[in-house]
Amino acid sequence: MTIWLSEELKAVRDQLMMVASAGRSLGPMEIRSIVQNLTALVELAEVDEHELRVFRLDQAGKQGRSIVEQLAGEAMGNMMLDGEKIVRPNFGRKS
């Protein structure tokens, strides 16, 4: 079962509007029920926000990796064009 945050919030709103239009006030049990619903909806919103943050970080990471790969390819391509150059690794030793 899928729970849509917007639909659940609309249900709470409709419940409150019915009480207001009837001209009556909420009893302690009704208030407690609404608070429990809202607490659950806050938790759902936090989970959705966390999932969205993870998705956005993943997308940014993918974009960053592709840029790094492109730049590395260009750098290696430029070095390969000059066949007279010998590329020697330097592992921190002094020459």
C-alpha atoms as a PDB file:
ATOM      1  CA  MET A   1       0.000   0.000   0.000  1.00  0.00           C
ATOM      2  CA  THR A   2       1.349   3.374  -1.001  1.00  0.00           C
ATOM      3  CA  ILE A   3       0.823   6.310   1.310  1.00  0.00           C
ATOM      4  CA  TRP A   4       0.826   9.712  -0.351  1.00  0.00           C
ATOM      5  CA  LEU A   5       1.762  12.511   2.022  1.00  0.00           C
ATOM      6  CA  SER A   6      -0.371  15.067   0.192  1.00  0.00           C
ATOM      7  CA  GLU A   7      -3.463  12.833   0.310  1.00  0.00           C
ATOM      8  CA  GLU A   8      -3.052  12.168   4.016  1.00  0.00           C
ATOM      9  CA  LEU A   9      -2.617  15.878   4.737  1.00  0.00           C
ATOM     10  CA  LYS A  10      -5.769  16.618   2.737  1.00  0.00           C
ATOM     11  CA  ALA A  11      -7.645  14.063   4.844  1.00  0.00           C
ATOM     12  CA  VAL A  12      -6.538  15.791   8.058  1.00  0.00           C
ATOM     13  CA  ARG A  13      -7.518  19.153   6.592  1.00  0.00           C
ATOM     14  CA  ASP A  14     -10.949  17.819   5.572  1.00  0.00           C
ATOM     15  CA  GLN A  15     -11.472  16.352   9.028  1.00  0.00           C
ATOM     16  CA  LEU A  16     -10.695  19.707  10.637  1.00  0.00           C
ATOM     17  CA  MET A  17     -12.906  21.572   8.147  1.00  0.00           C
ATOM     18  CA  MET A  18     -15.854  19.284   8.950  1.00  0.00           C
ATOM     19  CA  VAL A  19     -15.491  20.005  12.650  1.00  0.00           C
ATOM     20  CA  ALA A  20     -15.178  23.753  12.016  1.00  0.00           C
ATOM     21  CA  SER A  21     -18.157  23.890   9.643  1.00  0.00           C
ATOM     22  CA  ALA A  22     -20.294  22.000  12.153  1.00  0.00           C
ATOM     23  CA  GLY A  23     -19.494  24.737  14.664  1.00  0.00           C
ATOM     24  CA  ARG A  24     -18.177  22.367  17.279  1.00  0.00           C
ATOM     25  CA  SER A  25     -14.830  22.045  18.980  1.00  0.00           C
ATOM     26  CA  LEU A  26     -12.555  19.035  19.113  1.00  0.00           C
ATOM     27  CA  GLY A  27     -12.570  16.763  22.107  1.00  0.00           C
ATOM     28  CA  PRO A  28      -9.398  15.450  23.736  1.00  0.00           C
ATOM     29  CA  MET A  29      -9.654  12.086  21.945  1.00  0.00           C
ATOM     30  CA  GLU A  30     -10.085  13.744  18.543  1.00  0.00           C
ATOM     31  CA  ILE A  31      -7.143  16.046  19.185  1.00  0.00           C
ATOM     32  CA  ARG A  32      -5.004  13.093  20.269  1.00  0.00           C
ATOM     33  CA  SER A  33      -5.971  11.209  17.087  1.00  0.00           C
ATOM     34  CA  ILE A  34      -5.118  14.156  14.846  1.00  0.00           C
ATOM     35  CA  VAL A  35      -1.791  14.674  16.632  1.00  0.00           C
ATOM     36  CA  GLN A  36      -0.939  10.987  16.130  1.00  0.00           C
ATOM     37  CA  ASN A  37      -1.783  11.262  12.424  1.00  0.00           C
ATOM     38  CA  LEU A  38       0.300  14.409  12.053  1.00  0.00           C
ATOM     39  CA  THR A  39       3.223  12.796  13.895  1.00  0.00           C
ATOM     40  CA  ALA A  40       3.143   9.865  11.475  1.00  0.00           C
ATOM     41  CA  LEU A  41       2.966  12.270   8.537  1.00  0.00           C
ATOM     42  CA  VAL A  42       5.986  14.198   9.848  1.00  0.00           C
ATOM     43  CA  GLU A  43       7.943  10.930   9.945  1.00  0.00           C
ATOM     44  CA  LEU A  44       6.817  10.132   6.395  1.00  0.00           C
ATOM     45  CA  ALA A  45       7.923  13.592   5.224  1.00  0.00           C
ATOM     46  CA  GLU A  46      11.333  13.126   6.883  1.00  0.00           C
ATOM     47  CA  VAL A  47      11.808   9.762   5.158  1.00  0.00           C
ATOM     48  CA  ASP A  48      10.823  11.269   1.797  1.00  0.00           C
ATOM     49  CA  GLU A  49      13.223  14.190   2.310  1.00  0.00           C
ATOM     50  CA  HIS A  50      16.060  11.831   3.240  1.00  0.00           C
ATOM     51  CA  GLU A  51      15.398   9.687   0.164  1.00  0.00           C
ATOM     52  CA  LEU A  52      15.410  12.777  -2.051  1.00  0.00           C
ATOM     53  CA  ARG A  53      18.721  13.983  -0.547  1.00  0.00           C
ATOM     54  CA  VAL A  54      20.308  10.578  -1.205  1.00  0.00           C
ATOM     55  CA  PHE A  55      19.012  10.597  -4.788  1.00  0.00           C
ATOM     56  CA  ARG A  56      20.374  14.104  -5.417  1.00  0.00           C
ATOM     57  CA  LEU A  57      23.780  13.222  -3.943  1.00  0.00           C
ATOM     58  CA  ASP A  58      23.910  10.117  -6.132  1.00  0.00           C
ATOM     59  CA  GLN A  59      23.071  12.166  -9.229  1.00  0.00           C
ATOM     60  CA  ALA A  60      25.725  14.764  -8.357  1.00  0.00           C
ATOM     61  CA  GLY A  61      28.278  11.978  -7.854  1.00  0.00           C
ATOM     62  CA  LYS A  62      27.490  10.477 -11.258  1.00  0.00           C
ATOM     63  CA  GLN A  63      27.827  13.865 -12.909  1.00  0.00           C
ATOM     64  CA  GLY A  64      31.123  14.524 -11.102  1.00  0.00           C
ATOM     65  CA  ARG A  65      32.529  11.144 -12.133  1.00  0.00           C
ATOM     66  CA  SER A  66      31.692  11.718 -15.790  1.00  0.00           C
ATOM     67  CA  ILE A  67      33.395  15.138 -15.715  1.00  0.00           C
ATOM     68  CA  VAL A  68      36.524  13.676 -14.092  1.00  0.00           C
ATOM     69  CA  GLU A  69      36.612  10.856 -16.661  1.00  0.00           C
ATOM     70  CA  GLN A  70      36.255  13.353 -19.488  1.00  0.00           C
ATOM     71  CA  LEU A  71      39.053  15.576 -18.149  1.00  0.00           C
ATOM     72  CA  ALA A  72      41.335  12.591 -17.552  1.00  0.00           C
ATOM     73  CA  GLY A  73      40.684  11.363 -21.082  1.00  0.00           C
ATOM     74  CA  GLU A  74      41.494  14.767 -22.530  1.00  0.00           C
ATOM     75  CA  ALA A  75      44.715  14.990 -20.498  1.00  0.00           C
ATOM     76  CA  MET A  76      45.842  11.528 -21.579  1.00  0.00           C
ATOM     77  CA  GLY A  77      44.830  12.232 -25.165  1.00  0.00           C
ATOM     78  CA  ASN A  78      46.992  15.339 -25.261  1.00  0.00           C
ATOM     79  CA  MET A  79      49.970  13.399 -23.888  1.00  0.00           C
ATOM     80  CA  MET A  80      49.464  10.592 -26.405  1.00  0.00           C
ATOM     81  CA  LEU A  81      49.515  12.999 -29.369  1.00  0.00           C
ATOM     82  CA  ASP A  82      53.219  13.685 -28.827  1.00  0.00           C
ATOM     83  CA  GLY A  83      54.832  10.313 -29.535  1.00  0.00           C
ATOM     84  CA  GLU A  84      58.275  11.573 -28.530  1.00  0.00           C
ATOM     85  CA  LYS A  85      57.277  12.023 -24.900  1.00  0.00           C
ATOM     86  CA  ILE A  86      57.915   9.256 -22.435  1.00  0.00           C
ATOM     87  CA  VAL A  87      55.641   9.302 -19.433  1.00  0.00           C
ATOM     88  CA  ARG A  88      57.418   8.061 -16.324  1.00  0.00           C
ATOM     89  CA  PRO A  89      55.565   7.642 -13.049  1.00  0.00           C
ATOM     90  CA  ASN A  90      56.875   9.699 -10.156  1.00  0.00           C
ATOM     91  CA  PHE A  91      56.100   8.098  -6.816  1.00  0.00           C
ATOM     92  CA  GLY A  92      57.552  10.878  -4.708  1.00  0.00           C
ATOM     93  CA  ARG A  93      61.208  10.018  -5.290  1.00  0.00           C
ATOM     94  CA  LYS A  94      63.661  12.803  -5.867  1.00  0.00           C
ATOM     95  CA  SER A  95      65.360  12.721  -9.245  1.00  0.00           C
END
